[in-house]
Structure formats: C-alpha cells, structure tokens
Amino acid sequence: MGFITTIFIGLIIGLIARVLKPGNDQMGWIMTILLGIGGSMVATYGGQVLGLYRAGQGAGFIGSVIGAVVLLAVVGALRKR
C-alpha cells in the first residue's frame, strides 16, 4: 500500500471515528489522519492478541474504525486529566 493511500484511508477512518464518538474533539487534519492510522494499528495488533487475526493479516475497515474510536476515547480521557 502506498504512502498516499495510507494517508487517505487514515483520514477516512479518522473522520468516521470522530463522527461516531460524541463530544467535541478539537483536532486538525493531521491528528485526524494519525488517529485513523493509529486506530488501524490498534485493531490489527489487538485482534492478533485476541486471536481474531493471524500474523501478517490486517484488520478490516470496520475493525479499524472501532480501533480509532477506542483510541479517540483514550485520548479524550487523557486530555481531561
């Protein structure tokens, strides 16, 4: 997967996660892209630990969005402290 494709998919996943999680999440485009990419990584590695995915197998689109929502909730909880 190319670098531009990764950024684009990260943006889409990050935007969907921000729409699904209620509340005011003040972040720019770059943080939204990083949120989407990080959510995909959380879903992939978390799924491998839980036995949902094999090594080398990536999380799907829905898993990536769920991972991004979880990551967004963690970031929101840390910002409130």
C-alpha atoms as a PDB file:
ATOM      1  CA  MET A   1       0.000   0.000   0.000  1.00  0.00           C
ATOM      2  CA  GLY A   2       1.403   3.361  -0.928  1.00  0.00           C
ATOM      3  CA  PHE A   3       2.069   6.267   1.371  1.00  0.00           C
ATOM      4  CA  ILE A   4      -0.671   8.467  -0.139  1.00  0.00           C
ATOM      5  CA  THR A   5      -3.196   5.620   0.089  1.00  0.00           C
ATOM      6  CA  THR A   6      -2.345   5.096   3.758  1.00  0.00           C
ATOM      7  CA  ILE A   7      -2.880   8.789   4.471  1.00  0.00           C
ATOM      8  CA  PHE A   8      -6.191   8.841   2.572  1.00  0.00           C
ATOM      9  CA  ILE A   9      -7.575   5.749   4.298  1.00  0.00           C
ATOM     10  CA  GLY A  10      -6.346   7.064   7.661  1.00  0.00           C
ATOM     11  CA  LEU A  11      -8.230  10.296   7.005  1.00  0.00           C
ATOM     12  CA  ILE A  12     -11.455   8.451   6.127  1.00  0.00           C
ATOM     13  CA  ILE A  13     -11.230   6.185   9.187  1.00  0.00           C
ATOM     14  CA  GLY A  14     -10.384   9.129  11.456  1.00  0.00           C
ATOM     15  CA  LEU A  15     -13.311  11.179  10.164  1.00  0.00           C
ATOM     16  CA  ILE A  16     -15.748   8.303  10.656  1.00  0.00           C
ATOM     17  CA  ALA A  17     -14.435   7.724  14.197  1.00  0.00           C
ATOM     18  CA  ARG A  18     -14.862  11.413  15.044  1.00  0.00           C
ATOM     19  CA  VAL A  19     -18.456  11.329  13.752  1.00  0.00           C
ATOM     20  CA  LEU A  20     -19.304   8.177  15.729  1.00  0.00           C
ATOM     21  CA  LYS A  21     -17.864   9.348  19.057  1.00  0.00           C
ATOM     22  CA  PRO A  22     -19.988  12.099  20.603  1.00  0.00           C
ATOM     23  CA  GLY A  23     -18.366  15.195  22.051  1.00  0.00           C
ATOM     24  CA  ASN A  24     -16.105  17.990  20.937  1.00  0.00           C
ATOM     25  CA  ASP A  25     -12.782  16.611  19.734  1.00  0.00           C
ATOM     26  CA  GLN A  26     -10.694  19.573  18.715  1.00  0.00           C
ATOM     27  CA  MET A  27      -8.036  18.295  16.361  1.00  0.00           C
ATOM     28  CA  GLY A  28      -6.821  19.202  12.911  1.00  0.00           C
ATOM     29  CA  TRP A  29      -6.440  17.215   9.725  1.00  0.00           C
ATOM     30  CA  ILE A  30      -3.055  15.756  10.617  1.00  0.00           C
ATOM     31  CA  MET A  31      -4.250  14.499  14.002  1.00  0.00           C
ATOM     32  CA  THR A  32      -7.339  13.007  12.341  1.00  0.00           C
ATOM     33  CA  ILE A  33      -5.129  11.151   9.857  1.00  0.00           C
ATOM     34  CA  LEU A  34      -2.874   9.911  12.667  1.00  0.00           C
ATOM     35  CA  LEU A  35      -5.972   8.850  14.610  1.00  0.00           C
ATOM     36  CA  GLY A  36      -7.167   6.741  11.677  1.00  0.00           C
ATOM     37  CA  ILE A  37      -3.765   5.137  11.106  1.00  0.00           C
ATOM     38  CA  GLY A  38      -3.305   4.521  14.836  1.00  0.00           C
ATOM     39  CA  GLY A  39      -6.795   3.042  15.116  1.00  0.00           C
ATOM     40  CA  SER A  40      -5.989   0.610  12.352  1.00  0.00           C
ATOM     41  CA  MET A  41      -2.801  -0.408  14.139  1.00  0.00           C
ATOM     42  CA  VAL A  42      -4.653  -0.826  17.452  1.00  0.00           C
ATOM     43  CA  ALA A  43      -7.275  -3.003  15.766  1.00  0.00           C
ATOM     44  CA  THR A  44      -4.674  -5.102  13.946  1.00  0.00           C
ATOM     45  CA  TYR A  45      -2.423  -5.797  16.915  1.00  0.00           C
ATOM     46  CA  GLY A  46      -5.310  -6.075  19.375  1.00  0.00           C
ATOM     47  CA  GLY A  47      -7.031  -8.540  17.070  1.00  0.00           C
ATOM     48  CA  GLN A  48      -3.850 -10.603  16.814  1.00  0.00           C
ATOM     49  CA  VAL A  49      -3.541 -10.718  20.612  1.00  0.00           C
ATOM     50  CA  LEU A  50      -7.174 -11.811  20.928  1.00  0.00           C
ATOM     51  CA  GLY A  51      -6.741 -14.417  18.194  1.00  0.00           C
ATOM     52  CA  LEU A  52      -9.059 -12.734  15.693  1.00  0.00           C
ATOM     53  CA  TYR A  53      -6.307 -12.206  13.104  1.00  0.00           C
ATOM     54  CA  ARG A  54      -3.222 -14.199  12.153  1.00  0.00           C
ATOM     55  CA  ALA A  55       0.251 -12.676  11.976  1.00  0.00           C
ATOM     56  CA  GLY A  56       0.530 -10.534   8.865  1.00  0.00           C
ATOM     57  CA  GLN A  57      -3.231 -10.195   8.496  1.00  0.00           C
ATOM     58  CA  GLY A  58      -4.573  -6.666   8.871  1.00  0.00           C
ATOM     59  CA  ALA A  59      -7.799  -5.524  10.436  1.00  0.00           C
ATOM     60  CA  GLY A  60     -10.709  -4.750   8.172  1.00  0.00           C
ATOM     61  CA  PHE A  61     -12.359  -1.384   7.691  1.00  0.00           C
ATOM     62  CA  ILE A  62     -14.900  -1.807  10.491  1.00  0.00           C
ATOM     63  CA  GLY A  63     -12.230  -3.073  12.896  1.00  0.00           C
ATOM     64  CA  SER A  64     -10.078  -0.072  12.062  1.00  0.00           C
ATOM     65  CA  VAL A  65     -12.935   2.324  12.777  1.00  0.00           C
ATOM     66  CA  ILE A  66     -13.603   0.599  16.114  1.00  0.00           C
ATOM     67  CA  GLY A  67      -9.899   0.833  16.958  1.00  0.00           C
ATOM     68  CA  ALA A  68      -9.919   4.546  16.101  1.00  0.00           C
ATOM     69  CA  VAL A  69     -12.971   5.164  18.301  1.00  0.00           C
ATOM     70  CA  VAL A  70     -11.247   3.372  21.189  1.00  0.00           C
ATOM     71  CA  LEU A  71      -8.095   5.401  20.605  1.00  0.00           C
ATOM     72  CA  LEU A  72     -10.128   8.621  20.455  1.00  0.00           C
ATOM     73  CA  ALA A  73     -11.815   7.758  23.783  1.00  0.00           C
ATOM     74  CA  VAL A  74      -8.427   7.117  25.397  1.00  0.00           C
ATOM     75  CA  VAL A  75      -7.034  10.407  24.096  1.00  0.00           C
ATOM     76  CA  GLY A  76     -10.148  12.228  25.342  1.00  0.00           C
ATOM     77  CA  ALA A  77      -9.812  10.688  28.801  1.00  0.00           C
ATOM     78  CA  LEU A  78      -6.136  11.639  28.990  1.00  0.00           C
ATOM     79  CA  ARG A  79      -6.847  15.231  27.936  1.00  0.00           C
ATOM     80  CA  LYS A  80      -9.404  15.665  30.730  1.00  0.00           C
ATOM     81  CA  ARG A  81      -6.790  14.852  33.368  1.00  0.00           C
END
